[in-house]
N, C-alpha and C. Protein backbone atom coordinates (compact mmCIF):
# COMPACT_ATOMS: atom_id res chain seq x y z
N UNK A 1 -21.31 -27.92 -3.20
CA UNK A 1 -20.55 -27.27 -2.61
C UNK A 1 -20.44 -26.16 -1.77
N UNK A 2 -20.20 -25.54 -0.62
CA UNK A 2 -20.25 -24.85 0.14
C UNK A 2 -19.20 -23.57 0.18
N UNK A 3 -20.12 -22.46 0.40
CA UNK A 3 -19.23 -20.81 0.62
C UNK A 3 -18.85 -21.12 1.66
N UNK A 4 -17.26 -20.62 1.78
CA UNK A 4 -16.74 -21.00 3.21
C UNK A 4 -16.42 -19.27 3.32
N UNK A 5 -16.81 -18.69 4.50
CA UNK A 5 -16.92 -17.54 4.57
C UNK A 5 -15.57 -16.88 5.79
N UNK A 6 -15.10 -16.17 5.78
CA UNK A 6 -13.52 -15.75 6.65
C UNK A 6 -14.49 -15.17 7.75
N UNK A 7 -13.93 -15.84 9.05
CA UNK A 7 -14.29 -15.08 10.53
C UNK A 7 -13.44 -14.21 11.01
N UNK A 8 -13.63 -13.21 11.87
CA UNK A 8 -12.01 -12.51 12.18
C UNK A 8 -11.69 -13.30 13.13
N UNK A 9 -11.87 -14.14 13.85
CA UNK A 9 -10.85 -14.87 14.25
C UNK A 9 -10.24 -15.59 13.70
N UNK A 10 -10.34 -16.94 12.86
CA UNK A 10 -9.84 -17.96 12.28
C UNK A 10 -9.07 -17.54 11.03
N UNK A 11 -8.36 -15.94 11.10
CA UNK A 11 -7.84 -15.12 9.55
C UNK A 11 -6.51 -15.50 9.83
N UNK A 12 -5.95 -16.08 8.96
CA UNK A 12 -4.50 -15.84 8.59
C UNK A 12 -3.55 -15.00 7.98
N UNK A 13 -3.17 -14.29 8.75
CA UNK A 13 -2.06 -13.48 8.11
C UNK A 13 -0.76 -13.61 7.98
N UNK A 14 -0.17 -13.03 6.72
CA UNK A 14 0.94 -13.62 6.07
C UNK A 14 1.84 -11.98 6.23
N UNK A 15 3.17 -12.33 6.14
CA UNK A 15 3.88 -10.92 6.13
C UNK A 15 4.29 -11.26 4.45
N UNK A 16 4.34 -9.98 3.78
CA UNK A 16 4.48 -9.72 2.52
C UNK A 16 5.82 -8.51 2.07
N UNK A 17 6.48 -8.48 1.23
CA UNK A 17 7.01 -7.18 0.76
C UNK A 17 7.29 -7.12 -0.83
N UNK A 18 7.03 -5.92 -0.70
CA UNK A 18 6.96 -5.12 -2.09
C UNK A 18 8.20 -4.27 -2.72
N UNK A 19 8.72 -4.68 -3.52
CA UNK A 19 9.82 -3.67 -3.70
C UNK A 19 9.34 -2.80 -4.84
N UNK A 20 9.53 -1.77 -4.30
CA UNK A 20 9.54 -0.38 -5.23
C UNK A 20 10.19 0.65 -6.24
N UNK A 21 11.33 -0.07 -6.20
CA UNK A 21 12.50 0.15 -6.99
C UNK A 21 11.51 0.19 -8.16
N UNK A 22 11.82 1.83 -9.23
CA UNK A 22 12.31 1.21 -10.58
C UNK A 22 10.32 0.93 -10.96
N UNK A 23 9.82 1.08 -10.20
CA UNK A 23 8.45 0.91 -10.33
C UNK A 23 6.97 1.78 -10.03
N UNK A 24 6.37 1.84 -11.00
CA UNK A 24 5.68 3.48 -10.56
C UNK A 24 4.76 2.91 -9.38
N UNK A 25 4.80 4.96 -9.03
CA UNK A 25 4.02 4.73 -7.87
C UNK A 25 3.02 3.82 -7.23
N UNK A 26 1.87 4.63 -8.32
CA UNK A 26 0.57 4.07 -8.26
C UNK A 26 0.53 2.27 -8.20
N UNK A 27 1.02 1.43 -9.23
CA UNK A 27 0.92 0.62 -9.39
C UNK A 27 1.80 -0.59 -8.34
N UNK A 28 2.15 -0.10 -7.41
CA UNK A 28 3.14 -0.36 -6.35
C UNK A 28 1.83 -0.14 -4.83
N UNK A 29 1.34 0.79 -5.13
CA UNK A 29 0.20 1.47 -4.08
C UNK A 29 -1.11 0.33 -4.43
N UNK A 30 -1.32 -0.52 -5.48
CA UNK A 30 -2.41 -0.21 -5.82
C UNK A 30 -2.60 -2.15 -5.66
N UNK A 31 -1.18 -2.43 -5.93
CA UNK A 31 -0.76 -3.86 -5.48
C UNK A 31 -0.91 -3.77 -3.62
N UNK A 32 -0.31 -3.14 -2.89
CA UNK A 32 -0.44 -2.97 -1.52
C UNK A 32 -1.69 -3.41 -0.90
N UNK A 33 -2.41 -2.44 -1.85
CA UNK A 33 -3.93 -2.22 -1.20
C UNK A 33 -4.74 -3.34 -1.42
N UNK A 34 -4.28 -4.43 -2.29
CA UNK A 34 -5.34 -5.69 -2.60
C UNK A 34 -4.70 -6.64 -1.76
N UNK A 35 -3.50 -6.52 -1.20
CA UNK A 35 -3.02 -7.40 -0.06
C UNK A 35 -3.00 -6.78 1.44
N UNK A 36 -3.54 -6.18 1.47
CA UNK A 36 -3.80 -5.28 2.54
C UNK A 36 -5.44 -5.75 2.98
N UNK A 37 -5.83 -5.79 1.35
CA UNK A 37 -7.83 -5.98 1.78
C UNK A 37 -8.08 -7.56 1.91
N UNK A 38 -6.79 -8.17 1.52
CA UNK A 38 -7.42 -9.44 1.09
C UNK A 38 -7.64 -10.68 0.06
N UNK A 39 -7.97 -9.37 -0.87
CA UNK A 39 -8.54 -10.15 -2.15
C UNK A 39 -7.89 -11.03 -2.70
N UNK A 40 -6.78 -11.35 -2.68
CA UNK A 40 -6.09 -12.28 -3.28
C UNK A 40 -6.02 -13.27 -2.70
N UNK A 41 -6.94 -13.41 -1.40
CA UNK A 41 -7.20 -14.63 -1.00
C UNK A 41 -8.49 -15.68 -1.43
N UNK A 42 -8.52 -16.89 -1.22
CA UNK A 42 -9.88 -17.56 -2.08
C UNK A 42 -10.91 -17.54 -0.88
N UNK A 43 -10.34 -17.04 -0.21
CA UNK A 43 -11.57 -17.46 1.23
C UNK A 43 -11.97 -15.92 1.48
N UNK A 44 -11.35 -14.38 0.73
CA UNK A 44 -11.77 -13.57 0.58
C UNK A 44 -13.40 -13.11 0.94
N UNK A 45 -13.83 -11.98 2.04
CA UNK A 45 -15.12 -11.75 3.05
C UNK A 45 -14.98 -10.19 2.57
N UNK A 46 -15.90 -9.63 1.74
CA UNK A 46 -16.08 -8.17 1.85
C UNK A 46 -16.33 -7.72 3.62
N UNK A 47 -17.29 -8.45 4.48
CA UNK A 47 -17.07 -7.35 5.59
C UNK A 47 -16.26 -7.84 6.57
N UNK A 48 -15.21 -8.74 6.54
CA UNK A 48 -14.15 -9.12 7.30
C UNK A 48 -13.01 -9.26 7.07
N UNK A 49 -11.92 -8.19 7.83
CA UNK A 49 -10.77 -7.60 7.73
C UNK A 49 -10.05 -9.11 7.59
N UNK A 50 -9.39 -9.43 6.10
CA UNK A 50 -9.02 -11.12 6.09
C UNK A 50 -7.35 -10.92 5.31
N UNK A 51 -7.02 -9.05 5.43
CA UNK A 51 -5.74 -9.10 4.53
C UNK A 51 -4.41 -9.60 5.58
N UNK A 52 -3.16 -9.31 4.87
CA UNK A 52 -1.85 -9.48 5.45
C UNK A 52 -1.18 -8.19 5.52
N UNK A 53 -0.20 -8.39 6.30
CA UNK A 53 0.29 -7.10 6.73
C UNK A 53 1.72 -7.18 5.13
N UNK A 54 1.82 -5.92 4.76
CA UNK A 54 2.37 -5.11 3.76
C UNK A 54 3.89 -4.85 4.17
N UNK A 55 5.08 -4.87 3.90
CA UNK A 55 6.04 -3.72 3.97
C UNK A 55 6.47 -3.70 2.41
N UNK A 56 6.56 -2.50 2.12
CA UNK A 56 6.85 -1.64 0.78
C UNK A 56 8.34 -1.30 1.03
N UNK A 57 9.46 -1.11 0.48
CA UNK A 57 10.88 -1.32 0.71
C UNK A 57 11.19 -0.47 -0.65
N UNK A 58 12.19 0.25 -0.82
CA UNK A 58 12.53 1.31 -1.55
C UNK A 58 11.61 2.24 -2.05
N UNK A 59 10.87 3.02 -1.10
CA UNK A 59 9.52 3.90 -1.91
C UNK A 59 10.26 4.93 -2.06
N UNK A 60 11.57 5.35 -1.87
CA UNK A 60 12.69 6.52 -2.36
C UNK A 60 12.72 6.16 -4.13
N UNK A 61 12.71 4.82 -4.44
CA UNK A 61 13.19 4.70 -5.52
C UNK A 61 11.98 4.76 -6.10
N UNK A 62 10.49 5.05 -6.23
CA UNK A 62 9.49 5.04 -6.90
C UNK A 62 9.20 5.94 -7.81
N UNK A 63 8.64 5.39 -8.61
CA UNK A 63 9.18 6.62 -9.95
C UNK A 63 7.59 6.93 -10.11
N UNK A 64 7.25 8.19 -10.55
CA UNK A 64 6.12 9.14 -10.84
C UNK A 64 6.18 9.27 -12.48
N UNK A 65 5.42 8.58 -13.35
CA UNK A 65 5.31 8.86 -14.78
C UNK A 65 4.99 10.11 -15.12
N UNK A 66 5.00 10.66 -16.86
CA UNK A 66 4.62 11.41 -16.98
C UNK A 66 4.99 12.88 -16.28
N UNK A 67 4.22 13.93 -16.35
CA UNK A 67 4.40 14.80 -15.91
C UNK A 67 4.27 15.33 -14.35
N UNK A 68 3.75 13.98 -13.45
CA UNK A 68 3.64 13.99 -12.41
C UNK A 68 4.18 14.63 -11.54
N UNK A 69 5.50 14.56 -11.71
CA UNK A 69 6.27 15.19 -10.44
C UNK A 69 5.66 16.66 -10.22
N UNK A 70 5.84 17.23 -11.45
CA UNK A 70 5.82 18.67 -11.29
C UNK A 70 4.06 19.24 -11.38
N UNK A 71 2.89 18.27 -11.78
CA UNK A 71 1.68 18.81 -11.79
C UNK A 71 0.68 18.17 -10.65
N UNK A 72 1.17 17.36 -10.31
CA UNK A 72 0.71 16.68 -9.40
C UNK A 72 0.97 16.99 -8.00
N UNK A 73 -0.20 17.57 -7.08
CA UNK A 73 -0.25 18.73 -5.87
C UNK A 73 -0.86 17.36 -4.60
N UNK A 74 0.05 17.59 -3.84
CA UNK A 74 -1.16 17.00 -2.49
C UNK A 74 -1.63 18.37 -1.64
N UNK A 75 -3.12 18.29 -1.20
CA UNK A 75 -3.70 19.72 -1.00
C UNK A 75 -4.39 19.16 0.40
N UNK A 76 -4.26 20.17 1.15
CA UNK A 76 -5.14 19.85 2.51
C UNK A 76 -4.94 21.20 2.68
N UNK A 77 -6.52 21.27 3.88
CA UNK A 77 -7.02 22.65 4.41
C UNK A 77 -7.42 22.24 5.68
N UNK A 78 -7.19 23.52 6.05
CA UNK A 78 -7.26 23.46 7.80
C UNK A 78 -8.62 24.03 8.33
N UNK A 79 -9.53 23.84 7.20
CA UNK A 79 -10.56 24.86 7.85
C UNK A 79 -10.76 26.15 7.53
N UNK A 80 -9.96 26.86 7.63
CA UNK A 80 -9.97 28.79 7.96
C UNK A 80 -10.02 28.86 6.55
N UNK A 81 -10.60 30.59 6.27
CA UNK A 81 -10.73 30.92 5.55
C UNK A 81 -8.66 30.50 4.74
N UNK A 82 -8.64 30.66 3.67
CA UNK A 82 -7.32 31.21 2.86
C UNK A 82 -5.90 29.75 3.21
N UNK A 83 -6.92 28.54 4.19
CA UNK A 83 -6.13 27.34 4.82
C UNK A 83 -5.86 26.71 3.81
N UNK A 84 -6.11 26.74 2.75
CA UNK A 84 -5.28 25.65 1.39
C UNK A 84 -3.79 25.57 1.66
N UNK A 85 -3.19 24.40 1.73
CA UNK A 85 -2.03 24.07 2.00
C UNK A 85 -1.33 23.20 0.60
N UNK A 86 -0.59 23.50 -0.28
CA UNK A 86 -0.30 22.68 -1.52
C UNK A 86 0.96 22.52 -1.51
N UNK A 87 1.20 20.97 -1.92
CA UNK A 87 2.37 20.70 -2.06
C UNK A 87 2.89 20.04 -3.04
N UNK A 88 3.93 20.40 -3.42
CA UNK A 88 4.02 19.79 -5.39
C UNK A 88 4.55 18.06 -5.05
N UNK A 89 4.53 17.39 -5.79
CA UNK A 89 5.01 15.79 -5.71
C UNK A 89 6.59 15.66 -5.41
N UNK A 90 7.10 16.74 -6.63
CA UNK A 90 8.32 16.85 -6.58
C UNK A 90 9.35 16.99 -5.41
N UNK A 91 8.87 17.98 -4.86
CA UNK A 91 9.11 18.18 -3.25
C UNK A 91 9.16 17.34 -2.28
N UNK A 92 7.44 16.72 -2.62
CA UNK A 92 7.31 15.09 -1.66
C UNK A 92 8.01 14.50 -1.97
N UNK A 93 8.77 13.66 -2.94
CA UNK A 93 9.63 12.92 -3.59
C UNK A 93 11.00 12.81 -2.76
N UNK A 94 11.52 14.15 -3.04
CA UNK A 94 12.57 14.95 -2.08
C UNK A 94 12.84 14.33 -0.57
N UNK A 95 11.89 14.73 0.23
CA UNK A 95 11.88 14.89 1.34
C UNK A 95 11.17 13.60 1.81
N UNK A 96 9.87 13.09 1.46
CA UNK A 96 9.14 12.22 2.39
C UNK A 96 8.67 11.14 1.14
N UNK A 97 9.48 10.83 0.60
CA UNK A 97 9.24 9.28 -0.30
C UNK A 97 7.63 8.17 0.79
N UNK A 98 7.54 8.06 2.08
CA UNK A 98 7.02 7.22 2.56
C UNK A 98 5.58 7.62 2.52
N UNK A 99 5.58 8.78 2.58
CA UNK A 99 4.73 9.90 2.89
C UNK A 99 4.10 9.78 1.58
N UNK A 100 4.49 10.09 0.44
CA UNK A 100 3.88 9.68 -0.84
C UNK A 100 3.39 8.49 -0.99
N UNK A 101 4.36 7.53 -0.78
CA UNK A 101 3.52 6.03 -0.82
C UNK A 101 2.31 5.67 0.01
N UNK A 102 2.31 6.08 1.45
CA UNK A 102 1.30 6.19 2.43
C UNK A 102 0.11 6.55 1.55
N UNK A 103 0.44 7.83 1.13
CA UNK A 103 -0.96 8.65 0.38
C UNK A 103 -1.65 7.70 -0.76
N UNK A 104 -0.93 7.46 -1.29
CA UNK A 104 -1.44 5.77 -2.61
C UNK A 104 -2.03 4.90 -2.03
N UNK A 105 -1.40 4.30 -1.16
CA UNK A 105 -2.12 3.71 -0.92
C UNK A 105 -3.32 3.31 -0.19
N UNK A 106 -3.86 4.64 1.11
CA UNK A 106 -4.64 5.05 1.41
C UNK A 106 -5.79 4.84 0.50
N UNK A 107 -5.66 6.25 -0.71
CA UNK A 107 -6.60 6.59 -1.49
C UNK A 107 -6.70 5.11 -2.26
N UNK A 108 -6.41 4.56 -2.83
CA UNK A 108 -6.55 2.99 -3.01
C UNK A 108 -7.42 2.23 -2.43
N UNK A 109 -7.63 2.46 -0.90
CA UNK A 109 -8.66 1.79 -0.24
C UNK A 109 -9.89 2.41 -0.17
N UNK A 110 -11.10 1.45 0.14
CA UNK A 110 -11.78 1.75 0.47
C UNK A 110 -11.97 2.48 1.81
N UNK A 111 -13.36 3.20 1.87
CA UNK A 111 -13.27 4.84 2.75
C UNK A 111 -14.24 3.88 3.78
N UNK A 112 -13.58 3.15 4.69
CA UNK A 112 -14.61 2.75 5.87
C UNK A 112 -13.72 2.14 7.06
N UNK A 113 -14.18 1.66 7.69
CA UNK A 113 -13.34 1.37 9.43
C UNK A 113 -12.45 0.14 9.11
N UNK A 114 -12.82 -0.85 7.80
CA UNK A 114 -12.04 -1.89 7.67
C UNK A 114 -11.07 -1.55 7.07
N UNK A 115 -10.95 -0.58 6.15
CA UNK A 115 -9.69 -0.23 5.65
C UNK A 115 -8.83 0.56 6.56
N UNK A 116 -9.51 1.12 7.42
CA UNK A 116 -8.36 2.05 8.39
C UNK A 116 -7.58 1.00 9.02
N UNK A 117 -8.22 0.10 9.73
CA UNK A 117 -7.89 -1.37 10.17
C UNK A 117 -6.20 -1.68 9.66
N UNK A 118 -6.37 -1.49 8.68
CA UNK A 118 -6.45 -2.31 7.28
C UNK A 118 -4.74 -1.58 7.07
N UNK A 119 -5.25 -0.40 7.05
CA UNK A 119 -3.54 0.61 6.83
C UNK A 119 -2.55 1.04 7.74
N UNK A 120 -3.33 -0.18 9.35
CA UNK A 120 -2.10 -0.64 10.11
C UNK A 120 -1.12 -1.39 10.87
N UNK A 121 -1.34 -2.24 9.47
CA UNK A 121 -0.85 -3.35 8.82
C UNK A 121 0.22 -3.15 7.87
N UNK A 122 0.73 -1.65 7.03
CA UNK A 122 1.29 -1.34 6.25
C UNK A 122 2.27 -0.62 6.91
N UNK A 123 3.77 -1.41 6.32
CA UNK A 123 4.75 -0.67 6.77
C UNK A 123 5.76 -0.33 5.71
N UNK A 124 6.15 1.45 5.69
CA UNK A 124 6.60 1.15 4.10
C UNK A 124 8.15 2.33 4.92
N UNK A 125 9.10 2.06 4.29
CA UNK A 125 10.76 1.77 4.10
C UNK A 125 11.59 3.33 3.06
N UNK A 126 11.52 3.64 3.60
CA UNK A 126 12.50 4.43 2.22
C UNK A 126 14.07 3.96 1.73
N UNK A 127 14.53 2.88 2.06
CA UNK A 127 15.54 2.49 1.86
C UNK A 127 15.27 0.87 1.44
N UNK A 128 16.29 -0.14 0.96
CA UNK A 128 16.36 -1.85 0.94
C UNK A 128 16.43 -2.80 2.09
N UNK A 129 16.51 -1.61 3.15
CA UNK A 129 16.68 -2.38 4.85
C UNK A 129 15.23 -2.11 5.55
N UNK A 130 14.77 -3.15 6.41
CA UNK A 130 13.26 -3.09 7.00
C UNK A 130 13.97 -3.78 8.35
N UNK A 131 12.79 -3.47 8.98
CA UNK A 131 12.97 -4.34 10.28
C UNK A 131 12.18 -5.11 10.95
N UNK A 132 11.82 -5.95 10.02
CA UNK A 132 10.47 -6.70 10.47
C UNK A 132 11.20 -8.53 10.07
N UNK A 133 12.37 -8.69 10.22
CA UNK A 133 13.09 -10.02 9.12
C UNK A 133 12.12 -10.61 10.55
N UNK A 134 12.16 -10.70 11.56
CA UNK A 134 11.98 -12.24 12.69
C UNK A 134 10.31 -12.42 11.94
N UNK A 135 9.52 -11.63 11.41
CA UNK A 135 8.39 -12.12 10.90
C UNK A 135 8.59 -12.94 9.81
N UNK A 136 9.76 -13.08 9.35
CA UNK A 136 9.79 -13.86 7.92
C UNK A 136 8.98 -13.82 7.01
N UNK A 137 9.22 -12.15 6.21
CA UNK A 137 8.11 -11.74 5.19
C UNK A 137 8.27 -12.28 3.91
N UNK A 138 7.72 -12.44 3.02
CA UNK A 138 7.79 -13.36 1.70
C UNK A 138 7.96 -12.25 0.61
N UNK A 139 8.79 -12.17 -0.21
CA UNK A 139 8.40 -11.62 -1.25
C UNK A 139 7.70 -11.87 -2.39
N UNK A 140 7.19 -10.48 -2.97
CA UNK A 140 5.41 -10.88 -3.28
C UNK A 140 5.87 -10.06 -5.02
N UNK A 141 5.51 -11.15 -5.92
CA UNK A 141 6.09 -10.63 -7.60
C UNK A 141 4.69 -11.17 -7.66
N UNK A 142 4.41 -10.46 -9.08
CA UNK A 142 3.44 -10.12 -9.92
C UNK A 142 4.11 -10.77 -11.43
N UNK A 143 3.26 -11.85 -11.58
CA UNK A 143 4.18 -12.50 -12.98
C UNK A 143 3.34 -12.02 -14.58
N UNK A 144 3.28 -11.82 -15.43
CA UNK A 144 2.69 -11.52 -16.71
C UNK A 144 1.17 -11.85 -16.61
N UNK A 145 0.96 -13.31 -15.84
CA UNK A 145 -0.49 -13.72 -16.27
C UNK A 145 -1.31 -12.65 -15.31
N UNK A 146 -0.64 -12.18 -13.78
CA UNK A 146 -2.02 -11.73 -13.15
C UNK A 146 -1.84 -12.74 -12.09
N UNK A 147 -1.08 -13.95 -11.84
CA UNK A 147 -0.99 -14.41 -10.76
C UNK A 147 0.40 -14.08 -10.22
N UNK A 148 0.14 -14.26 -8.29
CA UNK A 148 1.29 -13.72 -7.92
C UNK A 148 2.15 -15.61 -7.77
N UNK A 149 3.66 -15.08 -7.60
CA UNK A 149 4.92 -15.60 -7.38
C UNK A 149 5.63 -15.86 -5.96
N UNK A 150 5.49 -16.46 -4.93
CA UNK A 150 5.95 -16.07 -3.75
C UNK A 150 7.83 -16.60 -4.05
N UNK A 151 8.64 -15.97 -3.70
CA UNK A 151 9.91 -16.29 -3.61
C UNK A 151 10.68 -16.43 -2.14
């Protein structure tokens, strides 16, 4: 029995929908990272970008568990003295929940060029409507045993 390695030209990309309504932000982001990277496929190859397209809907209805709304901050620095900017996740989830989801998915991806390319295949929408019906996306559901279920 031989091992098959994926090649860049032979990768088949599918479209999947993840519904974030009522689910923890991090759980949804972790599942999106797995799909974007292609780790759910039997012919996953670490040095080849073999992931799929991911559409996350209802990002505004994702939940942060515990005290993360008040205790978690998004921080960025301009590089200048005193240039630290802090934004509480409570205000991010009220104004730009799609940005919070994007930050979570990006944080769960590997820090390399393959992940930078994979993040271009991520589409996040605050509501239940998306504009990718022409691609015929399939809803991705995780069952209790860890196996995925297509619907």
